[in-house]
Amino acid sequence: MLQPKERFIVDKNGQRLGVLLDIEDYQRLLEELEELEAIRAQYGFKTPDAVYLAAAVISGCDVSLTNDHRLDRFSDIAVEVTQP
């Protein structure tokens, strides 16, 4: 997952107005968002489920454990459904 350095644009009172990202961090962030959207669109998962699965894929997980049987149709990594 993306771990950018925090650099902010602030006003004269120190209130954060914006953030600066290195171009490499920006490109990686876009790629991760594209992965998330692809999972959401391809499988029809709601955004929270797609975020969970995209994080697992991006982090290099071999298997995802869940008690949500609806996620077992995801094929990018192994999904093991546990009993609640």
Protein backbone atom coordinates (compact mmCIF):
# COMPACT_ATOMS: atom_id res chain seq x y z
CA MET A 1 0.00 0.00 0.00
CA LEU A 2 1.02 3.55 -0.60
CA GLN A 3 2.97 5.19 2.23
CA PRO A 4 3.55 8.74 0.97
CA LYS A 5 5.53 11.36 2.85
CA GLU A 6 3.17 13.90 4.31
CA ARG A 7 3.81 17.38 2.93
CA PHE A 8 1.06 19.93 3.15
CA ILE A 9 0.26 23.34 1.77
CA VAL A 10 -0.92 25.46 4.69
CA ASP A 11 -2.37 28.90 5.14
CA LYS A 12 -0.84 31.57 7.38
CA ASN A 13 -2.58 29.97 10.39
CA GLY A 14 -1.18 26.54 9.68
CA GLN A 15 -4.49 25.13 8.45
CA ARG A 16 -3.97 22.43 5.83
CA LEU A 17 -5.19 23.46 2.40
CA GLY A 18 -3.65 20.80 0.18
CA VAL A 19 -1.14 18.02 -0.05
CA LEU A 20 1.95 17.55 -2.22
CA LEU A 21 2.80 14.10 -3.56
CA ASP A 22 5.88 12.86 -5.35
CA ILE A 23 4.95 11.89 -8.90
CA GLU A 24 5.81 8.23 -8.14
CA ASP A 25 3.42 8.25 -5.16
CA TYR A 26 0.74 9.88 -7.28
CA GLN A 27 1.11 7.27 -10.05
CA ARG A 28 1.00 4.41 -7.53
CA LEU A 29 -2.09 5.89 -5.87
CA LEU A 30 -3.81 6.03 -9.27
CA GLU A 31 -2.87 2.40 -9.96
CA GLU A 32 -4.27 1.29 -6.60
CA LEU A 33 -7.50 3.18 -7.22
CA GLU A 34 -7.77 1.56 -10.66
CA GLU A 35 -7.31 -1.88 -9.05
CA LEU A 36 -10.08 -1.06 -6.58
CA GLU A 37 -12.45 0.10 -9.31
CA ALA A 38 -11.69 -2.93 -11.49
CA ILE A 39 -12.55 -5.30 -8.62
CA ARG A 40 -15.73 -3.37 -7.82
CA ALA A 41 -16.85 -3.30 -11.45
CA GLN A 42 -15.89 -6.86 -12.42
CA TYR A 43 -17.43 -8.57 -9.41
CA GLY A 44 -20.17 -6.10 -8.51
CA PHE A 45 -18.92 -5.84 -4.93
CA LYS A 46 -19.88 -2.88 -2.80
CA THR A 47 -17.08 -0.39 -2.25
CA PRO A 48 -16.11 -1.57 1.29
CA ASP A 49 -15.71 -5.16 0.06
CA ALA A 50 -13.73 -4.00 -2.97
CA VAL A 51 -11.46 -1.92 -0.71
CA TYR A 52 -10.84 -4.96 1.50
CA LEU A 53 -10.00 -7.20 -1.46
CA ALA A 54 -7.94 -4.57 -3.30
CA ALA A 55 -5.88 -4.03 -0.14
CA ALA A 56 -5.23 -7.76 0.05
CA VAL A 57 -4.16 -7.94 -3.60
CA ILE A 58 -2.00 -4.81 -3.47
CA SER A 59 -0.34 -5.99 -0.24
CA GLY A 60 0.55 -9.32 -1.84
CA CYS A 61 -1.63 -11.53 0.34
CA ASP A 62 -1.88 -15.17 -0.70
CA VAL A 63 -5.22 -15.75 0.99
CA SER A 64 -8.04 -13.68 2.40
CA LEU A 65 -10.05 -14.87 5.40
CA THR A 66 -13.64 -13.70 5.68
CA ASN A 67 -16.98 -14.80 7.03
CA ASP A 68 -18.75 -13.23 4.03
CA HIS A 69 -19.55 -16.06 1.62
CA ARG A 70 -20.30 -13.54 -1.15
CA LEU A 71 -16.57 -12.80 -1.49
CA ASP A 72 -15.60 -16.38 -2.34
CA ARG A 73 -16.23 -15.74 -6.04
CA PHE A 74 -13.24 -13.39 -6.12
CA SER A 75 -10.51 -15.17 -8.08
CA ASP A 76 -7.44 -12.89 -7.90
CA ILE A 77 -6.36 -14.47 -4.60
CA ALA A 78 -7.61 -17.41 -2.55
CA VAL A 79 -10.58 -16.53 -0.35
CA GLU A 80 -11.37 -18.79 2.59
CA VAL A 81 -14.78 -18.35 4.18
CA THR A 82 -14.83 -19.02 7.92
CA GLN A 83 -17.84 -19.64 10.11
CA PRO A 84 -18.96 -16.64 12.20
